[in-house]
């Protein structure tokens, strides 16, 4: 089985996570080999948290689990595309369906989505 080249970028590959049905980009994260293997074994998205320096099973705390439906690796073997079914409605820790809920306009940032969950209820903070 072909797998990403984890040595190319210091042990991590970029992961783009997309809604399997709509095609909407939900988030961007990273995987190391352990996160890759856990994702393959479980069928649930697992990432490497660069801020906590540990494995991060998406939805373990929030309940917003990502069931992996398809995995693609790019031609350079240094990026992964996960197509998922997002359980719980929010991929974003700020309570939005997608982490890409803002647009840049001439006057500044504009929020272009509604929160689907209250982050304080999930994490005790905003």
PDB file of N, CA and C in Angstrom:
ATOM      1  N   UNK A   1       0.828  -1.184   0.000  1.00  0.00           N
ATOM      2  CA  UNK A   1       0.000   0.000   0.000  1.00  0.00           C
ATOM      3  C   UNK A   1       0.875   1.251   0.000  1.00  0.00           C
ATOM      4  N   UNK A   2       0.549   2.180  -0.863  1.00  0.00           N
ATOM      5  CA  UNK A   2       1.266   3.450  -0.909  1.00  0.00           C
ATOM      6  C   UNK A   2       0.844   4.307   0.268  1.00  0.00           C
ATOM      7  N   UNK A   3       1.780   4.992   0.866  1.00  0.00           N
ATOM      8  CA  UNK A   3       1.454   5.886   1.977  1.00  0.00           C
ATOM      9  C   UNK A   3       2.197   7.196   1.794  1.00  0.00           C
ATOM     10  N   UNK A   4       1.819   8.223   2.534  1.00  0.00           N
ATOM     11  CA  UNK A   4       2.511   9.512   2.427  1.00  0.00           C
ATOM     12  C   UNK A   4       3.980   9.383   2.822  1.00  0.00           C
ATOM     13  N   UNK A   5       4.779  10.299   2.304  1.00  0.00           N
ATOM     14  CA  UNK A   5       6.194  10.363   2.647  1.00  0.00           C
ATOM     15  C   UNK A   5       6.355  11.268   3.871  1.00  0.00           C
ATOM     16  N   UNK A   6       6.409  10.657   5.036  1.00  0.00           N
ATOM     17  CA  UNK A   6       6.475  11.419   6.279  1.00  0.00           C
ATOM     18  C   UNK A   6       7.848  12.032   6.508  1.00  0.00           C
ATOM     19  N   UNK A   7       8.857  11.575   5.792  1.00  0.00           N
ATOM     20  CA  UNK A   7      10.210  12.095   6.002  1.00  0.00           C
ATOM     21  C   UNK A   7      10.433  13.428   5.295  1.00  0.00           C
ATOM     22  N   UNK A   8       9.635  13.695   4.270  1.00  0.00           N
ATOM     23  CA  UNK A   8       9.820  14.878   3.440  1.00  0.00           C
ATOM     24  C   UNK A   8       9.719  16.194   4.219  1.00  0.00           C
ATOM     25  N   UNK A   9       8.802  16.286   5.128  1.00  0.00           N
ATOM     26  CA  UNK A   9       8.533  17.538   5.852  1.00  0.00           C
ATOM     27  C   UNK A   9       8.704  17.343   7.366  1.00  0.00           C
ATOM     28  N   UNK A  10       9.713  16.606   7.740  1.00  0.00           N
ATOM     29  CA  UNK A  10      10.021  16.455   9.155  1.00  0.00           C
ATOM     30  C   UNK A  10       9.058  15.587   9.932  1.00  0.00           C
ATOM     31  N   UNK A  11       8.416  14.639   9.253  1.00  0.00           N
ATOM     32  CA  UNK A  11       7.543  13.702   9.946  1.00  0.00           C
ATOM     33  C   UNK A  11       6.059  14.015   9.844  1.00  0.00           C
ATOM     34  N   UNK A  12       5.699  15.148   9.253  1.00  0.00           N
ATOM     35  CA  UNK A  12       4.294  15.528   9.140  1.00  0.00           C
ATOM     36  C   UNK A  12       3.884  15.714   7.679  1.00  0.00           C
ATOM     37  N   UNK A  13       2.630  15.429   7.392  1.00  0.00           N
ATOM     38  CA  UNK A  13       2.039  15.755   6.101  1.00  0.00           C
ATOM     39  C   UNK A  13       0.803  16.621   6.359  1.00  0.00           C
ATOM     40  N   UNK A  14       0.506  17.482   5.425  1.00  0.00           N
ATOM     41  CA  UNK A  14      -0.681  18.324   5.500  1.00  0.00           C
ATOM     42  C   UNK A  14      -1.898  17.492   5.132  1.00  0.00           C
ATOM     43  N   UNK A  15      -2.988  17.708   5.860  1.00  0.00           N
ATOM     44  CA  UNK A  15      -4.238  17.001   5.590  1.00  0.00           C
ATOM     45  C   UNK A  15      -5.345  18.026   5.327  1.00  0.00           C
ATOM     46  N   UNK A  16      -5.983  17.888   4.188  1.00  0.00           N
ATOM     47  CA  UNK A  16      -7.160  18.677   3.864  1.00  0.00           C
ATOM     48  C   UNK A  16      -8.354  17.775   4.117  1.00  0.00           C
ATOM     49  N   UNK A  17      -9.300  18.239   4.920  1.00  0.00           N
ATOM     50  CA  UNK A  17     -10.479  17.434   5.243  1.00  0.00           C
ATOM     51  C   UNK A  17     -11.696  18.070   4.593  1.00  0.00           C
ATOM     52  N   UNK A  18     -12.410  17.243   3.847  1.00  0.00           N
ATOM     53  CA  UNK A  18     -13.504  17.709   3.004  1.00  0.00           C
ATOM     54  C   UNK A  18     -14.762  16.902   3.313  1.00  0.00           C
ATOM     55  N   UNK A  19     -15.922  17.567   3.275  1.00  0.00           N
ATOM     56  CA  UNK A  19     -17.188  16.870   3.426  1.00  0.00           C
ATOM     57  C   UNK A  19     -17.374  15.935   2.229  1.00  0.00           C
ATOM     58  N   UNK A  20     -17.593  14.657   2.477  1.00  0.00           N
ATOM     59  CA  UNK A  20     -17.682  13.654   1.414  1.00  0.00           C
ATOM     60  C   UNK A  20     -18.873  13.876   0.502  1.00  0.00           C
ATOM     61  N   UNK A  21     -19.924  14.486   1.015  1.00  0.00           N
ATOM     62  CA  UNK A  21     -21.123  14.697   0.202  1.00  0.00           C
ATOM     63  C   UNK A  21     -21.103  16.026  -0.550  1.00  0.00           C
ATOM     64  N   UNK A  22     -20.829  17.108   0.159  1.00  0.00           N
ATOM     65  CA  UNK A  22     -20.923  18.442  -0.449  1.00  0.00           C
ATOM     66  C   UNK A  22     -19.622  18.905  -1.099  1.00  0.00           C
ATOM     67  N   UNK A  23     -18.495  18.343  -0.679  1.00  0.00           N
ATOM     68  CA  UNK A  23     -17.203  18.798  -1.187  1.00  0.00           C
ATOM     69  C   UNK A  23     -16.650  19.999  -0.448  1.00  0.00           C
ATOM     70  N   UNK A  24     -17.400  20.543   0.526  1.00  0.00           N
ATOM     71  CA  UNK A  24     -16.927  21.697   1.291  1.00  0.00           C
ATOM     72  C   UNK A  24     -15.663  21.338   2.066  1.00  0.00           C
ATOM     73  N   UNK A  25     -14.668  22.216   2.026  1.00  0.00           N
ATOM     74  CA  UNK A  25     -13.461  22.020   2.819  1.00  0.00           C
ATOM     75  C   UNK A  25     -13.799  22.355   4.262  1.00  0.00           C
ATOM     76  N   UNK A  26     -13.568  21.385   5.147  1.00  0.00           N
ATOM     77  CA  UNK A  26     -13.920  21.555   6.554  1.00  0.00           C
ATOM     78  C   UNK A  26     -12.762  22.080   7.387  1.00  0.00           C
ATOM     79  N   UNK A  27     -11.563  21.593   7.102  1.00  0.00           N
ATOM     80  CA  UNK A  27     -10.411  21.981   7.919  1.00  0.00           C
ATOM     81  C   UNK A  27      -9.111  21.551   7.258  1.00  0.00           C
ATOM     82  N   UNK A  28      -8.017  22.066   7.784  1.00  0.00           N
ATOM     83  CA  UNK A  28      -6.673  21.657   7.403  1.00  0.00           C
ATOM     84  C   UNK A  28      -5.941  21.308   8.689  1.00  0.00           C
ATOM     85  N   UNK A  29      -5.236  20.194   8.680  1.00  0.00           N
ATOM     86  CA  UNK A  29      -4.507  19.756   9.874  1.00  0.00           C
ATOM     87  C   UNK A  29      -3.255  19.015   9.424  1.00  0.00           C
ATOM     88  N   UNK A  30      -2.642  18.283  10.339  1.00  0.00           N
ATOM     89  CA  UNK A  30      -1.436  17.518  10.049  1.00  0.00           C
ATOM     90  C   UNK A  30      -1.589  16.089  10.541  1.00  0.00           C
ATOM     91  N   UNK A  31      -0.828  15.203   9.920  1.00  0.00           N
ATOM     92  CA  UNK A  31      -0.726  13.810  10.367  1.00  0.00           C
ATOM     93  C   UNK A  31       0.740  13.427  10.430  1.00  0.00           C
ATOM     94  N   UNK A  32       1.064  12.639  11.437  1.00  0.00           N
ATOM     95  CA  UNK A  32       2.340  11.932  11.440  1.00  0.00           C
ATOM     96  C   UNK A  32       2.009  10.467  11.147  1.00  0.00           C
ATOM     97  N   UNK A  33       3.018   9.613  11.137  1.00  0.00           N
ATOM     98  CA  UNK A  33       2.781   8.205  10.803  1.00  0.00           C
ATOM     99  C   UNK A  33       1.782   7.550  11.764  1.00  0.00           C
ATOM    100  N   UNK A  34       1.883   7.862  13.051  1.00  0.00           N
ATOM    101  CA  UNK A  34       0.976   7.255  14.039  1.00  0.00           C
ATOM    102  C   UNK A  34      -0.476   7.674  13.785  1.00  0.00           C
ATOM    103  N   UNK A  35      -0.708   8.946  13.456  1.00  0.00           N
ATOM    104  CA  UNK A  35      -2.060   9.418  13.155  1.00  0.00           C
ATOM    105  C   UNK A  35      -2.584   8.763  11.881  1.00  0.00           C
ATOM    106  N   UNK A  36      -1.724   8.619  10.881  1.00  0.00           N
ATOM    107  CA  UNK A  36      -2.086   7.948   9.627  1.00  0.00           C
ATOM    108  C   UNK A  36      -2.528   6.509   9.904  1.00  0.00           C
ATOM    109  N   UNK A  37      -1.711   5.785  10.649  1.00  0.00           N
ATOM    110  CA  UNK A  37      -2.017   4.385  10.935  1.00  0.00           C
ATOM    111  C   UNK A  37      -3.292   4.237  11.768  1.00  0.00           C
ATOM    112  N   UNK A  38      -3.489   5.136  12.718  1.00  0.00           N
ATOM    113  CA  UNK A  38      -4.706   5.069  13.539  1.00  0.00           C
ATOM    114  C   UNK A  38      -5.945   5.387  12.708  1.00  0.00           C
ATOM    115  N   UNK A  39      -5.833   6.348  11.799  1.00  0.00           N
ATOM    116  CA  UNK A  39      -6.947   6.676  10.905  1.00  0.00           C
ATOM    117  C   UNK A  39      -7.297   5.481  10.037  1.00  0.00           C
ATOM    118  N   UNK A  40      -6.288   4.841   9.462  1.00  0.00           N
ATOM    119  CA  UNK A  40      -6.527   3.663   8.620  1.00  0.00           C
ATOM    120  C   UNK A  40      -7.171   2.528   9.413  1.00  0.00           C
ATOM    121  N   UNK A  41      -6.685   2.304  10.615  1.00  0.00           N
ATOM    122  CA  UNK A  41      -7.177   1.188  11.429  1.00  0.00           C
ATOM    123  C   UNK A  41      -8.590   1.426  11.960  1.00  0.00           C
ATOM    124  N   UNK A  42      -8.908   2.670  12.306  1.00  0.00           N
ATOM    125  CA  UNK A  42     -10.184   2.960  12.969  1.00  0.00           C
ATOM    126  C   UNK A  42     -11.279   3.448  12.026  1.00  0.00           C
ATOM    127  N   UNK A  43     -10.897   4.055  10.904  1.00  0.00           N
ATOM    128  CA  UNK A  43     -11.883   4.653  10.018  1.00  0.00           C
ATOM    129  C   UNK A  43     -12.383   5.999  10.520  1.00  0.00           C
ATOM    130  N   UNK A  44     -11.766   6.497  11.578  1.00  0.00           N
ATOM    131  CA  UNK A  44     -12.088   7.796  12.167  1.00  0.00           C
ATOM    132  C   UNK A  44     -10.854   8.682  12.041  1.00  0.00           C
ATOM    133  N   UNK A  45     -11.062   9.950  11.694  1.00  0.00           N
ATOM    134  CA  UNK A  45      -9.939  10.861  11.484  1.00  0.00           C
ATOM    135  C   UNK A  45      -9.140  11.077  12.766  1.00  0.00           C
ATOM    136  N   UNK A  46      -7.843  10.906  12.630  1.00  0.00           N
ATOM    137  CA  UNK A  46      -6.897  11.169  13.711  1.00  0.00           C
ATOM    138  C   UNK A  46      -5.801  12.055  13.136  1.00  0.00           C
ATOM    139  N   UNK A  47      -5.431  13.075  13.859  1.00  0.00           N
ATOM    140  CA  UNK A  47      -4.443  14.041  13.394  1.00  0.00           C
ATOM    141  C   UNK A  47      -3.313  14.149  14.414  1.00  0.00           C
ATOM    142  N   UNK A  48      -2.290  14.917  14.058  1.00  0.00           N
ATOM    143  CA  UNK A  48      -1.233  15.279  14.990  1.00  0.00           C
ATOM    144  C   UNK A  48      -1.462  16.733  15.367  1.00  0.00           C
ATOM    145  N   UNK A  49      -1.683  16.995  16.636  1.00  0.00           N
ATOM    146  CA  UNK A  49      -1.872  18.358  17.116  1.00  0.00           C
ATOM    147  C   UNK A  49      -0.512  19.014  17.299  1.00  0.00           C
ATOM    148  N   UNK A  50      -0.235  20.028  16.479  1.00  0.00           N
ATOM    149  CA  UNK A  50       1.044  20.727  16.593  1.00  0.00           C
ATOM    150  C   UNK A  50       1.071  21.640  17.819  1.00  0.00           C
ATOM    151  N   UNK A  51      -0.093  22.072  18.296  1.00  0.00           N
ATOM    152  CA  UNK A  51      -0.123  22.932  19.478  1.00  0.00           C
ATOM    153  C   UNK A  51       0.034  22.136  20.768  1.00  0.00           C
ATOM    154  N   UNK A  52      -0.491  20.917  20.799  1.00  0.00           N
ATOM    155  CA  UNK A  52      -0.395  20.075  22.005  1.00  0.00           C
ATOM    156  C   UNK A  52       0.713  19.035  21.898  1.00  0.00           C
ATOM    157  N   UNK A  53       1.258  18.878  20.678  1.00  0.00           N
ATOM    158  CA  UNK A  53       2.332  17.914  20.437  1.00  0.00           C
ATOM    159  C   UNK A  53       1.911  16.488  20.821  1.00  0.00           C
ATOM    160  N   UNK A  54       0.699  16.110  20.334  1.00  0.00           N
ATOM    161  CA  UNK A  54       0.178  14.775  20.627  1.00  0.00           C
ATOM    162  C   UNK A  54      -0.857  14.372  19.588  1.00  0.00           C
ATOM    163  N   UNK A  55      -1.190  13.079  19.558  1.00  0.00           N
ATOM    164  CA  UNK A  55      -2.248  12.606  18.675  1.00  0.00           C
ATOM    165  C   UNK A  55      -3.563  13.237  19.084  1.00  0.00           C
ATOM    166  N   UNK A  56      -4.405  13.493  18.088  1.00  0.00           N
ATOM    167  CA  UNK A  56      -5.679  14.157  18.314  1.00  0.00           C
ATOM    168  C   UNK A  56      -6.741  13.427  17.502  1.00  0.00           C
ATOM    169  N   UNK A  57      -7.575  12.664  18.176  1.00  0.00           N
ATOM    170  CA  UNK A  57      -8.694  11.989  17.522  1.00  0.00           C
ATOM    171  C   UNK A  57      -9.818  13.013  17.431  1.00  0.00           C
ATOM    172  N   UNK A  58     -10.158  13.386  16.210  1.00  0.00           N
ATOM    173  CA  UNK A  58     -11.175  14.420  15.999  1.00  0.00           C
ATOM    174  C   UNK A  58     -12.499  13.969  16.613  1.00  0.00           C
ATOM    175  N   UNK A  59     -13.037  14.797  17.495  1.00  0.00           N
ATOM    176  CA  UNK A  59     -14.317  14.512  18.136  1.00  0.00           C
ATOM    177  C   UNK A  59     -14.218  13.801  19.466  1.00  0.00           C
ATOM    178  N   UNK A  60     -13.030  13.457  19.881  1.00  0.00           N
ATOM    179  CA  UNK A  60     -12.863  12.739  21.151  1.00  0.00           C
ATOM    180  C   UNK A  60     -13.399  13.560  22.331  1.00  0.00           C
ATOM    181  N   UNK A  61     -13.191  14.867  22.297  1.00  0.00           N
ATOM    182  CA  UNK A  61     -13.685  15.755  23.354  1.00  0.00           C
ATOM    183  C   UNK A  61     -15.047  16.327  23.014  1.00  0.00           C
ATOM    184  N   UNK A  62     -15.212  16.763  21.766  1.00  0.00           N
ATOM    185  CA  UNK A  62     -16.417  17.499  21.365  1.00  0.00           C
ATOM    186  C   UNK A  62     -17.574  16.620  20.916  1.00  0.00           C
ATOM    187  N   UNK A  63     -17.290  15.396  20.496  1.00  0.00           N
ATOM    188  CA  UNK A  63     -18.313  14.549  19.905  1.00  0.00           C
ATOM    189  C   UNK A  63     -18.490  14.776  18.412  1.00  0.00           C
ATOM    190  N   UNK A  64     -17.742  15.732  17.849  1.00  0.00           N
ATOM    191  CA  UNK A  64     -17.811  16.046  16.424  1.00  0.00           C
ATOM    192  C   UNK A  64     -16.825  15.174  15.647  1.00  0.00           C
ATOM    193  N   UNK A  65     -17.172  13.906  15.550  1.00  0.00           N
ATOM    194  CA  UNK A  65     -16.315  12.863  14.980  1.00  0.00           C
ATOM    195  C   UNK A  65     -16.350  12.918  13.456  1.00  0.00           C
ATOM    196  N   UNK A  66     -15.233  12.584  12.833  1.00  0.00           N
ATOM    197  CA  UNK A  66     -15.155  12.510  11.375  1.00  0.00           C
ATOM    198  C   UNK A  66     -14.979  11.058  10.950  1.00  0.00           C
ATOM    199  N   UNK A  67     -16.012  10.517  10.304  1.00  0.00           N
ATOM    200  CA  UNK A  67     -15.948   9.166   9.757  1.00  0.00           C
ATOM    201  C   UNK A  67     -15.344   9.251   8.356  1.00  0.00           C
ATOM    202  N   UNK A  68     -14.212   8.603   8.162  1.00  0.00           N
ATOM    203  CA  UNK A  68     -13.491   8.699   6.896  1.00  0.00           C
ATOM    204  C   UNK A  68     -14.140   7.803   5.853  1.00  0.00           C
ATOM    205  N   UNK A  69     -14.472   8.404   4.713  1.00  0.00           N
ATOM    206  CA  UNK A  69     -15.105   7.676   3.606  1.00  0.00           C
ATOM    207  C   UNK A  69     -14.128   7.428   2.469  1.00  0.00           C
ATOM    208  N   UNK A  70     -13.131   8.288   2.314  1.00  0.00           N
ATOM    209  CA  UNK A  70     -12.149   8.127   1.246  1.00  0.00           C
ATOM    210  C   UNK A  70     -10.868   8.836   1.643  1.00  0.00           C
ATOM    211  N   UNK A  71      -9.737   8.261   1.243  1.00  0.00           N
ATOM    212  CA  UNK A  71      -8.435   8.870   1.496  1.00  0.00           C
ATOM    213  C   UNK A  71      -7.692   8.961   0.174  1.00  0.00           C
ATOM    214  N   UNK A  72      -7.138  10.131  -0.091  1.00  0.00           N
ATOM    215  CA  UNK A  72      -6.309  10.330  -1.278  1.00  0.00           C
ATOM    216  C   UNK A  72      -4.973  10.913  -0.845  1.00  0.00           C
ATOM    217  N   UNK A  73      -3.920  10.537  -1.549  1.00  0.00           N
ATOM    218  CA  UNK A  73      -2.583  11.073  -1.322  1.00  0.00           C
ATOM    219  C   UNK A  73      -2.157  11.760  -2.613  1.00  0.00           C
ATOM    220  N   UNK A  74      -1.578  12.961  -2.505  1.00  0.00           N
ATOM    221  CA  UNK A  74      -1.204  13.706  -3.705  1.00  0.00           C
ATOM    222  C   UNK A  74       0.014  13.092  -4.402  1.00  0.00           C
ATOM    223  N   UNK A  75       0.292  13.586  -5.595  1.00  0.00           N
ATOM    224  CA  UNK A  75       1.351  13.022  -6.430  1.00  0.00           C
ATOM    225  C   UNK A  75       2.736  13.151  -5.814  1.00  0.00           C
ATOM    226  N   UNK A  76       2.966  14.154  -4.977  1.00  0.00           N
ATOM    227  CA  UNK A  76       4.256  14.319  -4.306  1.00  0.00           C
ATOM    228  C   UNK A  76       4.344  13.535  -3.001  1.00  0.00           C
ATOM    229  N   UNK A  77       3.252  12.898  -2.641  1.00  0.00           N
ATOM    230  CA  UNK A  77       3.150  12.074  -1.433  1.00  0.00           C
ATOM    231  C   UNK A  77       3.397  12.855  -0.145  1.00  0.00           C
ATOM    232  N   UNK A  78       3.079  14.175  -0.170  1.00  0.00           N
ATOM    233  CA  UNK A  78       3.274  14.970   1.042  1.00  0.00           C
ATOM    234  C   UNK A  78       2.019  15.713   1.487  1.00  0.00           C
ATOM    235  N   UNK A  79       0.868  15.337   0.918  1.00  0.00           N
ATOM    236  CA  UNK A  79      -0.412  15.894   1.348  1.00  0.00           C
ATOM    237  C   UNK A  79      -1.479  14.812   1.222  1.00  0.00           C
ATOM    238  N   UNK A  80      -2.437  14.869   2.140  1.00  0.00           N
ATOM    239  CA  UNK A  80      -3.517  13.885   2.194  1.00  0.00           C
ATOM    240  C   UNK A  80      -4.850  14.626   2.104  1.00  0.00           C
ATOM    241  N   UNK A  81      -5.776  14.038   1.374  1.00  0.00           N
ATOM    242  CA  UNK A  81      -7.152  14.526   1.323  1.00  0.00           C
ATOM    243  C   UNK A  81      -8.029  13.474   1.979  1.00  0.00           C
ATOM    244  N   UNK A  82      -8.724  13.876   3.054  1.00  0.00           N
ATOM    245  CA  UNK A  82      -9.699  12.996   3.689  1.00  0.00           C
ATOM    246  C   UNK A  82     -11.089  13.469   3.290  1.00  0.00           C
ATOM    247  N   UNK A  83     -11.904  12.561   2.785  1.00  0.00           N
ATOM    248  CA  UNK A  83     -13.312  12.850   2.555  1.00  0.00           C
ATOM    249  C   UNK A  83     -14.061  12.171   3.688  1.00  0.00           C
ATOM    250  N   UNK A  84     -14.829  12.970   4.432  1.00  0.00           N
ATOM    251  CA  UNK A  84     -15.427  12.477   5.672  1.00  0.00           C
ATOM    252  C   UNK A  84     -16.913  12.785   5.747  1.00  0.00           C
ATOM    253  N   UNK A  85     -17.579  12.051   6.625  1.00  0.00           N
ATOM    254  CA  UNK A  85     -18.910  12.422   7.104  1.00  0.00           C
ATOM    255  C   UNK A  85     -18.680  13.000   8.489  1.00  0.00           C
ATOM    256  N   UNK A  86     -19.066  14.247   8.659  1.00  0.00           N
ATOM    257  CA  UNK A  86     -18.864  14.970   9.910  1.00  0.00           C
ATOM    258  C   UNK A  86     -20.046  14.729  10.832  1.00  0.00           C
ATOM    259  N   UNK A  87     -19.828  13.970  11.906  1.00  0.00           N
ATOM    260  CA  UNK A  87     -20.886  13.785  12.912  1.00  0.00           C
ATOM    261  C   UNK A  87     -20.817  14.934  13.906  1.00  0.00           C
ATOM    262  N   UNK A  88     -21.976  15.388  14.362  1.00  0.00           N
ATOM    263  CA  UNK A  88     -22.009  16.461  15.352  1.00  0.00           C
ATOM    264  C   UNK A  88     -22.099  17.838  14.737  1.00  0.00           C
ATOM    265  N   UNK A  89     -21.887  17.956  13.440  1.00  0.00           N
ATOM    266  CA  UNK A  89     -22.130  19.211  12.742  1.00  0.00           C
ATOM    267  C   UNK A  89     -20.980  20.179  12.625  1.00  0.00           C
ATOM    268  N   UNK A  90     -20.035  20.192  13.578  1.00  0.00           N
ATOM    269  CA  UNK A  90     -18.989  21.216  13.567  1.00  0.00           C
ATOM    270  C   UNK A  90     -17.605  20.596  13.456  1.00  0.00           C
ATOM    271  N   UNK A  91     -16.884  20.958  12.409  1.00  0.00           N
ATOM    272  CA  UNK A  91     -15.483  20.562  12.297  1.00  0.00           C
ATOM    273  C   UNK A  91     -14.598  21.565  13.037  1.00  0.00           C
ATOM    274  N   UNK A  92     -15.089  22.796  13.174  1.00  0.00           N
ATOM    275  CA  UNK A  92     -14.304  23.890  13.750  1.00  0.00           C
ATOM    276  C   UNK A  92     -14.488  23.972  15.266  1.00  0.00           C
ATOM    277  N   UNK A  93     -13.391  24.195  15.984  1.00  0.00           N
ATOM    278  CA  UNK A  93     -13.468  24.313  17.448  1.00  0.00           C
ATOM    279  C   UNK A  93     -14.190  25.587  17.887  1.00  0.00           C
ATOM    280  N   UNK A  94     -14.450  26.502  16.941  1.00  0.00           N
ATOM    281  CA  UNK A  94     -15.211  27.709  17.268  1.00  0.00           C
ATOM    282  C   UNK A  94     -16.710  27.507  17.028  1.00  0.00           C
ATOM    283  N   UNK A  95     -17.101  26.278  16.671  1.00  0.00           N
ATOM    284  CA  UNK A  95     -18.515  25.946  16.565  1.00  0.00           C
ATOM    285  C   UNK A  95     -19.113  26.033  15.178  1.00  0.00           C
ATOM    286  N   UNK A  96     -18.287  26.237  14.170  1.00  0.00           N
ATOM    287  CA  UNK A  96     -18.770  26.324  12.794  1.00  0.00           C
ATOM    288  C   UNK A  96     -18.605  24.985  12.088  1.00  0.00           C
ATOM    289  N   UNK A  97     -19.419  24.777  11.047  1.00  0.00           N
ATOM    290  CA  UNK A  97     -19.304  23.548  10.266  1.00  0.00           C
ATOM    291  C   UNK A  97     -17.904  23.414   9.678  1.00  0.00           C
ATOM    292  N   UNK A  98     -17.370  24.506   9.155  1.00  0.00           N
ATOM    293  CA  UNK A  98     -16.052  24.526   8.532  1.00  0.00           C
ATOM    294  C   UNK A  98     -15.162  25.530   9.256  1.00  0.00           C
ATOM    295  N   UNK A  99     -13.887  25.254   9.303  1.00  0.00           N
ATOM    296  CA  UNK A  99     -12.926  26.214   9.854  1.00  0.00           C
ATOM    297  C   UNK A  99     -12.789  27.436   8.952  1.00  0.00           C
ATOM    298  N   UNK A 100     -13.266  27.333   7.729  1.00  0.00           N
ATOM    299  CA  UNK A 100     -13.163  28.418   6.760  1.00  0.00           C
ATOM    300  C   UNK A 100     -14.473  29.210   6.727  1.00  0.00           C
ATOM    301  N   UNK A 101     -14.804  29.828   7.866  1.00  0.00           N
ATOM    302  CA  UNK A 101     -16.069  30.544   8.011  1.00  0.00           C
ATOM    303  C   UNK A 101     -15.913  32.049   7.830  1.00  0.00           C
ATOM    304  N   UNK A 102     -14.708  32.518   7.502  1.00  0.00           N
ATOM    305  CA  UNK A 102     -14.467  33.957   7.296  1.00  0.00           C
ATOM    306  C   UNK A 102     -13.987  34.202   5.866  1.00  0.00           C
ATOM    307  N   UNK A 103     -14.347  35.348   5.341  1.00  0.00           N
ATOM    308  CA  UNK A 103     -13.815  35.789   4.054  1.00  0.00           C
ATOM    309  C   UNK A 103     -13.096  37.119   4.265  1.00  0.00           C
ATOM    310  N   UNK A 104     -12.131  37.375   3.418  1.00  0.00           N
ATOM    311  CA  UNK A 104     -11.403  38.639   3.448  1.00  0.00           C
ATOM    312  C   UNK A 104     -12.046  39.570   2.422  1.00  0.00           C
ATOM    313  N   UNK A 105     -12.417  40.745   2.884  1.00  0.00           N
ATOM    314  CA  UNK A 105     -13.002  41.748   2.013  1.00  0.00           C
ATOM    315  C   UNK A 105     -12.196  43.038   2.149  1.00  0.00           C
ATOM    316  N   UNK A 106     -12.446  44.004   1.304  1.00  0.00           N
ATOM    317  CA  UNK A 106     -11.697  45.266   1.344  1.00  0.00           C
ATOM    318  C   UNK A 106     -11.814  45.954   2.698  1.00  0.00           C
ATOM    319  N   UNK A 107     -12.939  45.762   3.365  1.00  0.00           N
ATOM    320  CA  UNK A 107     -13.164  46.410   4.661  1.00  0.00           C
ATOM    321  C   UNK A 107     -12.697  45.553   5.839  1.00  0.00           C
ATOM    322  N   UNK A 108     -12.219  44.333   5.564  1.00  0.00           N
ATOM    323  CA  UNK A 108     -11.739  43.459   6.636  1.00  0.00           C
ATOM    324  C   UNK A 108     -12.384  42.087   6.581  1.00  0.00           C
ATOM    325  N   UNK A 109     -12.339  41.393   7.700  1.00  0.00           N
ATOM    326  CA  UNK A 109     -12.901  40.044   7.803  1.00  0.00           C
ATOM    327  C   UNK A 109     -14.417  40.095   7.850  1.00  0.00           C
ATOM    328  N   UNK A 110     -15.054  39.083   7.239  1.00  0.00           N
ATOM    329  CA  UNK A 110     -16.498  38.935   7.345  1.00  0.00           C
ATOM    330  C   UNK A 110     -16.804  37.483   7.655  1.00  0.00           C
ATOM    331  N   UNK A 111     -17.577  37.253   8.691  1.00  0.00           N
ATOM    332  CA  UNK A 111     -18.027  35.898   9.023  1.00  0.00           C
ATOM    333  C   UNK A 111     -19.135  35.548   8.039  1.00  0.00           C
ATOM    334  N   UNK A 112     -18.981  34.416   7.333  1.00  0.00           N
ATOM    335  CA  UNK A 112     -19.945  34.054   6.293  1.00  0.00           C
ATOM    336  C   UNK A 112     -20.723  32.781   6.617  1.00  0.00           C
ATOM    337  N   UNK A 113     -20.808  32.447   7.902  1.00  0.00           N
ATOM    338  CA  UNK A 113     -21.530  31.234   8.306  1.00  0.00           C
ATOM    339  C   UNK A 113     -22.112  31.441   9.700  1.00  0.00           C
ATOM    340  N   UNK A 114     -23.028  30.574  10.054  1.00  0.00           N
ATOM    341  CA  UNK A 114     -23.618  30.583  11.393  1.00  0.00           C
ATOM    342  C   UNK A 114     -22.985  29.461  12.215  1.00  0.00           C
ATOM    343  N   UNK A 115     -22.803  29.713  13.493  1.00  0.00           N
ATOM    344  CA  UNK A 115     -22.337  28.644  14.376  1.00  0.00           C
ATOM    345  C   UNK A 115     -23.395  27.544  14.421  1.00  0.00           C
ATOM    346  N   UNK A 116     -22.930  26.297  14.413  1.00  0.00           N
ATOM    347  CA  UNK A 116     -23.863  25.172  14.500  1.00  0.00           C
ATOM    348  C   UNK A 116     -23.870  24.563  15.905  1.00  0.00           C
ATOM    349  N   UNK A 117     -22.836  24.848  16.687  1.00  0.00           N
ATOM    350  CA  UNK A 117     -22.787  24.423  18.087  1.00  0.00           C
ATOM    351  C   UNK A 117     -22.121  25.524  18.905  1.00  0.00           C
ATOM    352  N   UNK A 118     -22.427  25.559  20.183  1.00  0.00           N
ATOM    353  CA  UNK A 118     -21.828  26.523  21.096  1.00  0.00           C
ATOM    354  C   UNK A 118     -20.513  25.948  21.609  1.00  0.00           C
ATOM    355  N   UNK A 119     -19.373  26.580  21.274  1.00  0.00           N
ATOM    356  CA  UNK A 119     -18.092  26.032  21.710  1.00  0.00           C
ATOM    357  C   UNK A 119     -17.934  25.970  23.230  1.00  0.00           C
ATOM    358  N   UNK A 120     -18.610  26.855  23.958  1.00  0.00           N
ATOM    359  CA  UNK A 120     -18.534  26.810  25.423  1.00  0.00           C
ATOM    360  C   UNK A 120     -19.137  25.527  25.978  1.00  0.00           C
ATOM    361  N   UNK A 121     -20.170  25.022  25.317  1.00  0.00           N
ATOM    362  CA  UNK A 121     -20.779  23.758  25.758  1.00  0.00           C
ATOM    363  C   UNK A 121     -19.854  22.584  25.473  1.00  0.00           C
ATOM    364  N   UNK A 122     -19.074  22.673  24.416  1.00  0.00           N
ATOM    365  CA  UNK A 122     -18.176  21.580  24.048  1.00  0.00           C
ATOM    366  C   UNK A 122     -16.873  21.588  24.836  1.00  0.00           C
ATOM    367  N   UNK A 123     -16.310  22.770  24.994  1.00  0.00           N
ATOM    368  CA  UNK A 123     -14.963  22.875  25.545  1.00  0.00           C
ATOM    369  C   UNK A 123     -14.877  23.720  26.808  1.00  0.00           C
ATOM    370  N   UNK A 124     -15.961  24.376  27.181  1.00  0.00           N
ATOM    371  CA  UNK A 124     -15.928  25.239  28.352  1.00  0.00           C
ATOM    372  C   UNK A 124     -15.289  26.582  28.076  1.00  0.00           C
ATOM    373  N   UNK A 125     -15.057  26.892  26.804  1.00  0.00           N
ATOM    374  CA  UNK A 125     -14.479  28.192  26.428  1.00  0.00           C
ATOM    375  C   UNK A 125     -14.831  28.485  24.993  1.00  0.00           C
ATOM    376  N   UNK A 126     -14.603  29.676  24.578  1.00  0.00           N
ATOM    377  CA  UNK A 126     -14.871  30.089  23.199  1.00  0.00           C
ATOM    378  C   UNK A 126     -13.685  29.847  22.326  1.00  0.00           C
TER     379      UNK A 126
END
